[in-house]
Protein backbone atom coordinates (compact mmCIF):
# COMPACT_ATOMS: atom_id res chain seq x y z
CA UNK A 1 -0.15 0.04 0.08
CA UNK A 2 1.40 3.21 -1.18
CA UNK A 3 1.84 6.10 1.84
CA UNK A 4 -0.64 9.25 1.68
CA UNK A 5 1.02 12.39 0.18
CA UNK A 6 1.86 14.89 2.67
CA UNK A 7 -0.53 18.05 2.23
CA UNK A 8 -0.15 21.39 2.41
CA UNK A 9 -1.48 25.36 1.84
CA UNK A 10 0.37 27.82 -0.27
CA UNK A 11 -0.43 31.39 1.43
CA UNK A 12 1.27 34.09 -0.99
CA UNK A 13 -0.03 37.24 -2.44
CA UNK A 14 1.44 36.44 -5.85
CA UNK A 15 -0.29 34.07 -7.91
CA UNK A 16 2.58 33.00 -9.88
CA UNK A 17 4.83 32.42 -7.07
CA UNK A 18 1.55 30.02 -5.91
CA UNK A 19 1.19 28.19 -8.86
CA UNK A 20 5.01 27.76 -9.10
CA UNK A 21 5.31 26.38 -6.00
CA UNK A 22 2.18 24.08 -6.51
CA UNK A 23 3.80 22.86 -9.74
CA UNK A 24 7.29 21.88 -7.82
CA UNK A 25 5.64 20.41 -5.27
CA UNK A 26 3.54 18.24 -6.99
CA UNK A 27 6.26 16.93 -8.78
CA UNK A 28 7.91 15.91 -5.39
CA UNK A 29 4.71 13.77 -4.83
CA UNK A 30 3.57 16.57 -2.11
CA UNK A 31 -0.60 17.47 -2.29
CA UNK A 32 -1.52 21.20 -2.31
CA UNK A 33 -4.95 21.04 -0.86
CA UNK A 34 -5.33 24.82 -1.28
CA UNK A 35 -3.97 28.54 -1.68
CA UNK A 36 -4.76 31.76 -0.12
CA UNK A 37 -3.35 35.23 -1.32
CA UNK A 38 -3.38 37.00 2.42
CA UNK A 39 -3.73 35.83 5.82
CA UNK A 40 -7.58 36.57 6.49
CA UNK A 41 -8.68 34.22 3.61
CA UNK A 42 -5.49 31.43 4.81
CA UNK A 43 -7.51 30.76 8.08
CA UNK A 44 -10.65 29.94 6.31
CA UNK A 45 -8.80 27.64 4.21
CA UNK A 46 -6.65 25.89 6.41
CA UNK A 47 -9.37 25.20 8.75
CA UNK A 48 -11.44 23.62 5.85
CA UNK A 49 -8.33 21.38 4.41
CA UNK A 50 -6.50 20.58 7.83
CA UNK A 51 -2.80 20.28 6.03
CA UNK A 52 -0.04 18.81 6.99
CA UNK A 53 2.21 22.20 6.57
CA UNK A 54 1.15 25.21 5.89
CA UNK A 55 3.81 27.62 3.22
CA UNK A 56 3.76 31.42 4.52
CA UNK A 57 5.02 34.19 2.98
CA UNK A 58 5.55 36.95 5.43
CA UNK A 59 5.10 40.14 3.26
CA UNK A 60 1.49 40.35 1.84
CA UNK A 61 -0.74 43.00 1.87
CA UNK A 62 -3.30 43.59 4.48
CA UNK A 63 -2.95 40.59 6.59
CA UNK A 64 0.98 39.42 6.77
CA UNK A 65 2.73 36.42 7.72
CA UNK A 66 2.71 37.45 11.14
CA UNK A 67 -0.53 38.45 11.64
CA UNK A 68 -1.54 34.45 10.09
CA UNK A 69 0.61 32.99 13.00
CA UNK A 70 -0.51 35.04 15.63
CA UNK A 71 -4.40 34.33 14.70
CA UNK A 72 -3.21 30.55 13.44
CA UNK A 73 -2.71 30.68 17.46
CA UNK A 74 -5.85 32.27 18.29
CA UNK A 75 -7.96 30.19 16.55
CA UNK A 76 -6.07 27.15 18.05
CA UNK A 77 -5.40 25.90 14.47
CA UNK A 78 -2.50 23.43 15.21
CA UNK A 79 -0.47 23.08 12.04
CA UNK A 80 2.94 23.46 11.26
CA UNK A 81 4.08 26.93 9.69
CA UNK A 82 6.95 26.71 7.12
CA UNK A 83 7.82 30.76 6.36
CA UNK A 84 8.86 30.72 2.64
CA UNK A 85 9.82 34.32 1.80
CA UNK A 86 12.31 36.33 -0.02
CA UNK A 87 13.55 38.17 2.89
CA UNK A 88 16.41 37.21 4.84
CA UNK A 89 15.84 39.66 7.99
CA UNK A 90 16.47 38.90 11.38
CA UNK A 91 13.91 40.76 13.23
CA UNK A 92 11.46 39.02 11.01
CA UNK A 93 12.64 35.58 11.10
CA UNK A 94 12.93 35.89 14.91
CA UNK A 95 9.31 37.86 15.27
CA UNK A 96 8.28 34.72 12.93
CA UNK A 97 9.33 31.78 15.23
CA UNK A 98 8.11 33.54 18.26
CA UNK A 99 4.61 33.53 16.81
CA UNK A 100 5.01 29.93 16.34
CA UNK A 101 6.69 28.72 13.08
CA UNK A 102 8.55 25.94 12.90
CA UNK A 103 10.92 26.76 10.07
CA UNK A 104 11.88 29.25 8.12
CA UNK A 105 13.37 29.16 4.39
CA UNK A 106 14.22 31.60 1.73
CA UNK A 107 12.12 31.08 -1.41
CA UNK A 108 15.77 30.49 -3.46
CA UNK A 109 15.79 26.70 -1.94
CA UNK A 110 16.20 24.21 -4.22
CA UNK A 111 13.36 21.22 -4.61
CA UNK A 112 14.87 19.27 -2.63
CA UNK A 113 15.55 21.40 0.06
CA UNK A 114 11.74 22.32 0.04
CA UNK A 115 10.50 18.81 0.00
CA UNK A 116 12.81 18.04 2.56
CA UNK A 117 11.31 20.93 4.88
CA UNK A 118 7.91 19.97 4.13
CA UNK A 119 8.31 16.31 5.48
CA UNK A 120 10.23 17.38 8.34
CA UNK A 121 7.57 19.66 9.69
CA UNK A 122 4.77 17.49 8.80
CA UNK A 123 6.36 14.73 10.90
CA UNK A 124 6.70 16.87 13.53
CA UNK A 125 10.06 18.20 13.45
CA UNK A 126 11.80 21.91 13.13
CA UNK A 127 13.97 23.65 11.02
CA UNK A 128 15.79 25.67 13.41
CA UNK A 129 18.73 25.33 13.19
CA UNK A 130 19.65 25.57 9.70
CA UNK A 131 17.90 29.00 9.73
CA UNK A 132 19.61 30.58 12.80
CA UNK A 133 23.15 32.63 11.06
CA UNK A 134 25.65 33.72 13.77
CA UNK A 135 24.42 37.12 13.75
CA UNK A 136 20.87 36.25 14.54
CA UNK A 137 22.17 34.03 17.62
CA UNK A 138 23.80 37.52 18.68
CA UNK A 139 20.52 39.19 18.39
CA UNK A 140 19.13 37.04 20.13
CA UNK A 141 21.18 36.86 23.04
CA UNK A 142 22.12 40.68 23.19
CA UNK A 143 18.58 41.44 23.14
CA UNK A 144 15.95 41.66 26.78
CA UNK A 145 14.42 38.10 27.22
CA UNK A 146 11.34 38.13 26.13
CA UNK A 147 10.47 34.55 28.19
CA UNK A 148 9.32 34.71 31.94
CA UNK A 149 12.32 35.18 34.15
CA UNK A 150 10.78 33.49 37.06
CA UNK A 151 10.98 30.57 35.01
CA UNK A 152 14.31 28.73 35.96
CA UNK A 153 16.03 27.36 32.72
CA UNK A 154 19.12 26.12 34.46
CA UNK A 155 17.75 22.80 35.85
CA UNK A 156 17.88 20.68 32.88
CA UNK A 157 19.33 17.17 33.13
CA UNK A 158 21.89 16.05 30.70
CA UNK A 159 19.74 13.71 29.05
CA UNK A 160 17.47 16.64 28.36
CA UNK A 161 19.57 18.90 27.24
CA UNK A 162 20.75 15.99 24.40
CA UNK A 163 17.03 15.82 23.57
CA UNK A 164 17.07 19.64 23.22
CA UNK A 165 20.37 19.63 20.99
CA UNK A 166 18.14 17.29 19.06
CA UNK A 167 15.38 19.08 19.16
CA UNK A 168 17.37 22.75 17.70
CA UNK A 169 18.70 20.19 14.72
CA UNK A 170 14.73 19.45 13.78
CA UNK A 171 14.48 16.02 14.40
CA UNK A 172 11.07 14.60 15.35
CA UNK A 173 10.62 12.39 18.74
CA UNK A 174 10.98 8.82 16.16
CA UNK A 175 14.08 10.17 15.30
CA UNK A 176 15.75 11.05 18.62
CA UNK A 177 14.63 8.08 19.88
CA UNK A 178 16.90 6.51 17.36
CA UNK A 179 19.81 8.55 17.84
CA UNK A 180 19.78 7.90 21.77
CA UNK A 181 18.78 4.10 22.12
CA UNK A 182 15.59 5.40 23.91
CA UNK A 183 11.91 4.62 23.56
CA UNK A 184 9.75 6.88 21.55
CA UNK A 185 7.26 7.35 24.38
CA UNK A 186 10.62 8.16 26.79
CA UNK A 187 11.38 10.82 24.49
CA UNK A 188 8.12 12.21 24.20
CA UNK A 189 7.86 12.62 28.24
CA UNK A 190 11.38 14.13 27.97
CA UNK A 191 10.40 16.74 25.72
CA UNK A 192 6.99 17.45 27.72
CA UNK A 193 9.35 17.87 30.85
CA UNK A 194 11.80 20.31 28.91
CA UNK A 195 8.82 22.54 27.68
CA UNK A 196 7.49 22.56 31.42
CA UNK A 197 11.00 23.74 32.89
CA UNK A 198 11.88 26.54 30.16
CA UNK A 199 8.00 27.65 30.09
CA UNK A 200 8.12 27.07 26.56
CA UNK A 201 4.39 26.66 24.71
CA UNK A 202 6.11 24.58 21.79
CA UNK A 203 9.06 23.19 20.94
CA UNK A 204 10.08 26.17 18.51
CA UNK A 205 9.70 28.02 21.86
CA UNK A 206 11.86 26.09 24.20
CA UNK A 207 14.59 26.38 21.53
CA UNK A 208 14.58 29.99 21.31
CA UNK A 209 14.41 30.45 25.44
CA UNK A 210 17.57 27.75 25.13
CA UNK A 211 19.52 30.39 22.94
CA UNK A 212 18.54 33.25 25.21
CA UNK A 213 19.67 31.11 28.55
CA UNK A 214 23.13 29.92 26.14
CA UNK A 215 22.07 26.08 26.63
CA UNK A 216 22.89 25.34 23.57
CA UNK A 217 26.24 26.11 21.62
């Protein structure tokens, strides 16, 4: 029996860009189940189609990518978001990650890179490590922390730090379990504990906090 293709929704204000991405994804056996030209339309399409991954542009008229990310959370539409944009801007990267994006790629990526990214997010992984440059790390560490200072971030065990580093590399629970020779359920428990200790709402937020605290080198 063949596996079910990963499904995506493309959100971009340019028709030609959406059609081009659709054509490329279809070559990679990824199913495009919807398109939208701004954030307001995207919310309705995502709610109606429940895709595995959303490909989201940041710069759009009216309701942009950051608005879309924020309102996905408000409407409790739990879907991984891969930001796909032409803007290599540190501030935009940080804001997108803080608003819940699980990955960030520029539009000059190859089809293979895009395919890998979509499958990584669909499997529960992230694309934090490849997307964070040295200058972005410096920006994260030099600015005031947006996280609750009352939540301790220094009491992670050695095993939890190992798991967190692999989360930052984009591995999902199954891949982490294989890398560390643990049961997948054990990894899931470790991730839950890490989120609790770091006061993070999700894996991406946990990695951002860990970067702020200097836990990831």
